[in-house]
Amino acid sequence: MPKKIKGLTNNISFRLSAEIILKFRYNEVRKKSRDYLHTDTIENLHDLRISFRRLRYSLENYEICFNKKEHKLTLDYLKFMQDLIGEGRDLDVLEEKIKQLSKENNLEIPASLFNKIVFQKEEIKHNIKLELMKFLNDKRIKSFFNTKS
């Protein structure tokens, strides 16, 4: 069941619902970002990806409520973050799929392939963490989502 969002009722304006929902989604992204920065597990990366996707799609739905330039800049930034996180997630899925196929078909996969995937995963994890720290401290983003935290 979806989380209940405090302050969201049937009798508020579209603009106010945008502020409430976007702040809620932004705070979810902040929490999931901190979780991932603390512990960079496959599960935390997956949760982080979902939180960015929810924020991005919510922002797309409320486009008419915002200055076009600020909306586009913010949306482009969210797309960039979502794509970067998606790269990390894709490598996790690829690694698991190769392991599964190897096991199911009794195939020996060269260690060099797994080493390459692990190296790329570490590289992308590093990049994700750097970009998350920038995102969490971005004054324009904080201002857009109207938060001081």
C-alpha atoms as a PDB file:
ATOM      1  CA  MET A   1       0.000   0.000   0.000  1.00  0.00           C
ATOM      2  CA  PRO A   2       1.349   3.470  -0.889  1.00  0.00           C
ATOM      3  CA  LYS A   3       2.600   5.717   1.882  1.00  0.00           C
ATOM      4  CA  LYS A   4       0.185   8.388   3.022  1.00  0.00           C
ATOM      5  CA  ILE A   5       1.577  11.836   2.294  1.00  0.00           C
ATOM      6  CA  LYS A   6       0.964  14.308   5.110  1.00  0.00           C
ATOM      7  CA  GLY A   7      -1.036  17.363   4.031  1.00  0.00           C
ATOM      8  CA  LEU A   8      -2.318  15.825   0.813  1.00  0.00           C
ATOM      9  CA  THR A   9      -6.105  16.004   0.702  1.00  0.00           C
ATOM     10  CA  ASN A  10      -8.832  16.196  -1.940  1.00  0.00           C
ATOM     11  CA  ASN A  11      -9.546  19.870  -1.308  1.00  0.00           C
ATOM     12  CA  ILE A  12      -6.166  21.498  -2.028  1.00  0.00           C
ATOM     13  CA  SER A  13      -4.996  23.216  -5.196  1.00  0.00           C
ATOM     14  CA  PHE A  14      -3.030  21.486  -7.916  1.00  0.00           C
ATOM     15  CA  ARG A  15      -0.080  23.801  -7.175  1.00  0.00           C
ATOM     16  CA  LEU A  16      -0.129  22.991  -3.455  1.00  0.00           C
ATOM     17  CA  SER A  17      -0.383  19.266  -4.175  1.00  0.00           C
ATOM     18  CA  ALA A  18       2.694  19.660  -6.408  1.00  0.00           C
ATOM     19  CA  GLU A  19       4.651  21.270  -3.575  1.00  0.00           C
ATOM     20  CA  ILE A  20       3.604  18.607  -1.078  1.00  0.00           C
ATOM     21  CA  ILE A  21       4.234  15.615  -3.339  1.00  0.00           C
ATOM     22  CA  LEU A  22       7.518  16.897  -4.744  1.00  0.00           C
ATOM     23  CA  LYS A  23       8.898  17.750  -1.318  1.00  0.00           C
ATOM     24  CA  PHE A  24       7.872  14.271  -0.124  1.00  0.00           C
ATOM     25  CA  ARG A  25       9.531  12.592  -3.132  1.00  0.00           C
ATOM     26  CA  TYR A  26      12.644  14.777  -2.800  1.00  0.00           C
ATOM     27  CA  ASN A  27      12.978  13.812   0.866  1.00  0.00           C
ATOM     28  CA  GLU A  28      12.654  10.138  -0.133  1.00  0.00           C
ATOM     29  CA  VAL A  29      15.510  10.625  -2.607  1.00  0.00           C
ATOM     30  CA  ARG A  30      17.598  12.286   0.103  1.00  0.00           C
ATOM     31  CA  LYS A  31      16.967   9.396   2.507  1.00  0.00           C
ATOM     32  CA  LYS A  32      17.701   6.711  -0.098  1.00  0.00           C
ATOM     33  CA  SER A  33      20.827   8.636  -1.156  1.00  0.00           C
ATOM     34  CA  ARG A  34      22.125   8.686   2.411  1.00  0.00           C
ATOM     35  CA  ASP A  35      21.315   4.974   2.747  1.00  0.00           C
ATOM     36  CA  TYR A  36      23.316   4.195  -0.390  1.00  0.00           C
ATOM     37  CA  LEU A  37      26.221   6.418   0.614  1.00  0.00           C
ATOM     38  CA  HIS A  38      26.327   4.595   3.950  1.00  0.00           C
ATOM     39  CA  THR A  39      25.936   1.071   2.504  1.00  0.00           C
ATOM     40  CA  ASP A  40      26.257   0.593  -1.255  1.00  0.00           C
ATOM     41  CA  THR A  41      24.336  -2.670  -1.602  1.00  0.00           C
ATOM     42  CA  ILE A  42      22.426  -3.879  -4.655  1.00  0.00           C
ATOM     43  CA  GLU A  43      19.193  -3.383  -2.708  1.00  0.00           C
ATOM     44  CA  ASN A  44      20.043   0.187  -1.725  1.00  0.00           C
ATOM     45  CA  LEU A  45      20.965   1.001  -5.321  1.00  0.00           C
ATOM     46  CA  HIS A  46      17.643  -0.429  -6.503  1.00  0.00           C
ATOM     47  CA  ASP A  47      15.728   1.595  -3.888  1.00  0.00           C
ATOM     48  CA  LEU A  48      17.682   4.713  -4.859  1.00  0.00           C
ATOM     49  CA  ARG A  49      16.801   4.213  -8.520  1.00  0.00           C
ATOM     50  CA  ILE A  50      13.118   3.845  -7.685  1.00  0.00           C
ATOM     51  CA  SER A  51      13.136   6.998  -5.543  1.00  0.00           C
ATOM     52  CA  PHE A  52      14.734   9.056  -8.343  1.00  0.00           C
ATOM     53  CA  ARG A  53      12.251   7.643 -10.846  1.00  0.00           C
ATOM     54  CA  ARG A  54       9.307   8.582  -8.624  1.00  0.00           C
ATOM     55  CA  LEU A  55      10.643  12.110  -8.123  1.00  0.00           C
ATOM     56  CA  ARG A  56      11.292  12.576 -11.832  1.00  0.00           C
ATOM     57  CA  TYR A  57       7.875  11.333 -12.921  1.00  0.00           C
ATOM     58  CA  SER A  58       6.150  13.425 -10.264  1.00  0.00           C
ATOM     59  CA  LEU A  59       8.031  16.481 -11.497  1.00  0.00           C
ATOM     60  CA  GLU A  60       7.003  15.714 -15.082  1.00  0.00           C
ATOM     61  CA  ASN A  61       3.347  15.572 -14.008  1.00  0.00           C
ATOM     62  CA  TYR A  62       3.521  19.019 -12.409  1.00  0.00           C
ATOM     63  CA  GLU A  63       5.389  20.799 -15.205  1.00  0.00           C
ATOM     64  CA  ILE A  64       2.775  23.571 -15.560  1.00  0.00           C
ATOM     65  CA  CYS A  65       3.331  24.648 -11.952  1.00  0.00           C
ATOM     66  CA  PHE A  66       6.916  25.797 -12.492  1.00  0.00           C
ATOM     67  CA  ASN A  67       9.078  28.217 -14.396  1.00  0.00           C
ATOM     68  CA  LYS A  68       9.943  26.398 -17.641  1.00  0.00           C
ATOM     69  CA  LYS A  69      13.690  27.007 -17.417  1.00  0.00           C
ATOM     70  CA  GLU A  70      13.981  25.903 -13.770  1.00  0.00           C
ATOM     71  CA  HIS A  71      11.745  22.914 -14.429  1.00  0.00           C
ATOM     72  CA  LYS A  72      13.839  21.809 -17.413  1.00  0.00           C
ATOM     73  CA  LEU A  73      17.146  22.245 -15.557  1.00  0.00           C
ATOM     74  CA  THR A  74      15.856  20.220 -12.618  1.00  0.00           C
ATOM     75  CA  LEU A  75      14.297  17.550 -14.805  1.00  0.00           C
ATOM     76  CA  ASP A  76      17.500  17.214 -16.848  1.00  0.00           C
ATOM     77  CA  TYR A  77      19.491  16.795 -13.636  1.00  0.00           C
ATOM     78  CA  LEU A  78      17.105  14.102 -12.400  1.00  0.00           C
ATOM     79  CA  LYS A  79      17.358  12.309 -15.765  1.00  0.00           C
ATOM     80  CA  PHE A  80      21.158  12.433 -15.542  1.00  0.00           C
ATOM     81  CA  MET A  81      21.080  10.954 -12.040  1.00  0.00           C
ATOM     82  CA  GLN A  82      18.542   8.316 -13.032  1.00  0.00           C
ATOM     83  CA  ASP A  83      20.655   7.281 -16.047  1.00  0.00           C
ATOM     84  CA  LEU A  84      23.820   7.075 -13.952  1.00  0.00           C
ATOM     85  CA  ILE A  85      22.109   4.978 -11.288  1.00  0.00           C
ATOM     86  CA  GLY A  86      20.577   2.848 -14.055  1.00  0.00           C
ATOM     87  CA  GLU A  87      24.069   2.040 -15.354  1.00  0.00           C
ATOM     88  CA  GLY A  88      24.984   0.677 -11.935  1.00  0.00           C
ATOM     89  CA  ARG A  89      21.777  -1.302 -11.721  1.00  0.00           C
ATOM     90  CA  ASP A  90      22.311  -2.725 -15.222  1.00  0.00           C
ATOM     91  CA  LEU A  91      25.725  -4.053 -14.197  1.00  0.00           C
ATOM     92  CA  ASP A  92      24.206  -5.698 -11.106  1.00  0.00           C
ATOM     93  CA  VAL A  93      21.544  -7.386 -13.247  1.00  0.00           C
ATOM     94  CA  LEU A  94      24.117  -8.431 -15.871  1.00  0.00           C
ATOM     95  CA  GLU A  95      26.347 -10.029 -13.260  1.00  0.00           C
ATOM     96  CA  GLU A  96      23.449 -11.962 -11.715  1.00  0.00           C
ATOM     97  CA  LYS A  97      22.169 -13.088 -15.130  1.00  0.00           C
ATOM     98  CA  ILE A  98      25.590 -14.381 -16.195  1.00  0.00           C
ATOM     99  CA  LYS A  99      25.915 -16.290 -12.912  1.00  0.00           C
ATOM    100  CA  GLN A 100      22.430 -17.755 -13.364  1.00  0.00           C
ATOM    101  CA  LEU A 101      23.059 -18.830 -16.978  1.00  0.00           C
ATOM    102  CA  SER A 102      26.415 -20.296 -16.006  1.00  0.00           C
ATOM    103  CA  LYS A 103      24.830 -22.353 -13.242  1.00  0.00           C
ATOM    104  CA  GLU A 104      21.776 -23.461 -15.265  1.00  0.00           C
ATOM    105  CA  ASN A 105      23.855 -24.513 -18.277  1.00  0.00           C
ATOM    106  CA  ASN A 106      26.892 -25.782 -16.393  1.00  0.00           C
ATOM    107  CA  LEU A 107      29.113 -23.262 -18.177  1.00  0.00           C
ATOM    108  CA  GLU A 108      32.455 -22.031 -16.992  1.00  0.00           C
ATOM    109  CA  ILE A 109      32.589 -18.268 -17.397  1.00  0.00           C
ATOM    110  CA  PRO A 110      36.095 -16.786 -17.566  1.00  0.00           C
ATOM    111  CA  ALA A 111      37.131 -15.057 -14.368  1.00  0.00           C
ATOM    112  CA  SER A 112      38.352 -12.146 -16.485  1.00  0.00           C
ATOM    113  CA  LEU A 113      34.742 -11.404 -17.476  1.00  0.00           C
ATOM    114  CA  PHE A 114      33.604 -11.272 -13.857  1.00  0.00           C
ATOM    115  CA  ASN A 115      36.648  -9.199 -12.942  1.00  0.00           C
ATOM    116  CA  LYS A 116      35.770  -6.715 -15.686  1.00  0.00           C
ATOM    117  CA  ILE A 117      32.179  -6.455 -14.441  1.00  0.00           C
ATOM    118  CA  VAL A 118      33.340  -6.017 -10.839  1.00  0.00           C
ATOM    119  CA  PHE A 119      35.797  -3.310 -11.916  1.00  0.00           C
ATOM    120  CA  GLN A 120      33.088  -1.469 -13.859  1.00  0.00           C
ATOM    121  CA  LYS A 121      30.692  -1.795 -10.925  1.00  0.00           C
ATOM    122  CA  GLU A 122      33.250  -0.257  -8.574  1.00  0.00           C
ATOM    123  CA  GLU A 123      33.865   2.566 -11.031  1.00  0.00           C
ATOM    124  CA  ILE A 124      30.174   3.333 -11.407  1.00  0.00           C
ATOM    125  CA  LYS A 125      29.602   3.091  -7.630  1.00  0.00           C
ATOM    126  CA  HIS A 126      32.319   5.687  -7.163  1.00  0.00           C
ATOM    127  CA  ASN A 127      30.718   7.964  -9.777  1.00  0.00           C
ATOM    128  CA  ILE A 128      27.252   7.509  -8.284  1.00  0.00           C
ATOM    129  CA  LYS A 129      28.531   8.433  -4.831  1.00  0.00           C
ATOM    130  CA  LEU A 130      30.293  11.546  -6.129  1.00  0.00           C
ATOM    131  CA  GLU A 131      27.202  12.684  -8.012  1.00  0.00           C
ATOM    132  CA  LEU A 132      24.928  11.922  -5.053  1.00  0.00           C
ATOM    133  CA  MET A 133      27.048  14.121  -2.801  1.00  0.00           C
ATOM    134  CA  LYS A 134      26.826  16.924  -5.359  1.00  0.00           C
ATOM    135  CA  PHE A 135      23.074  16.415  -5.694  1.00  0.00           C
ATOM    136  CA  LEU A 136      22.474  16.414  -1.940  1.00  0.00           C
ATOM    137  CA  ASN A 137      24.366  19.692  -1.561  1.00  0.00           C
ATOM    138  CA  ASP A 138      23.098  21.456  -4.676  1.00  0.00           C
ATOM    139  CA  LYS A 139      21.619  24.791  -3.560  1.00  0.00           C
ATOM    140  CA  ARG A 140      19.534  25.189  -6.711  1.00  0.00           C
ATOM    141  CA  ILE A 141      17.960  21.768  -6.221  1.00  0.00           C
ATOM    142  CA  LYS A 142      17.270  22.470  -2.545  1.00  0.00           C
ATOM    143  CA  SER A 143      15.699  25.777  -3.488  1.00  0.00           C
ATOM    144  CA  PHE A 144      13.612  24.213  -6.254  1.00  0.00           C
ATOM    145  CA  PHE A 145      12.173  21.651  -3.873  1.00  0.00           C
ATOM    146  CA  ASN A 146      11.882  24.377  -1.229  1.00  0.00           C
ATOM    147  CA  THR A 147      13.868  22.671   1.474  1.00  0.00           C
ATOM    148  CA  LYS A 148      16.638  23.881   3.748  1.00  0.00           C
ATOM    149  CA  SER A 149      17.851  20.434   4.848  1.00  0.00           C
END
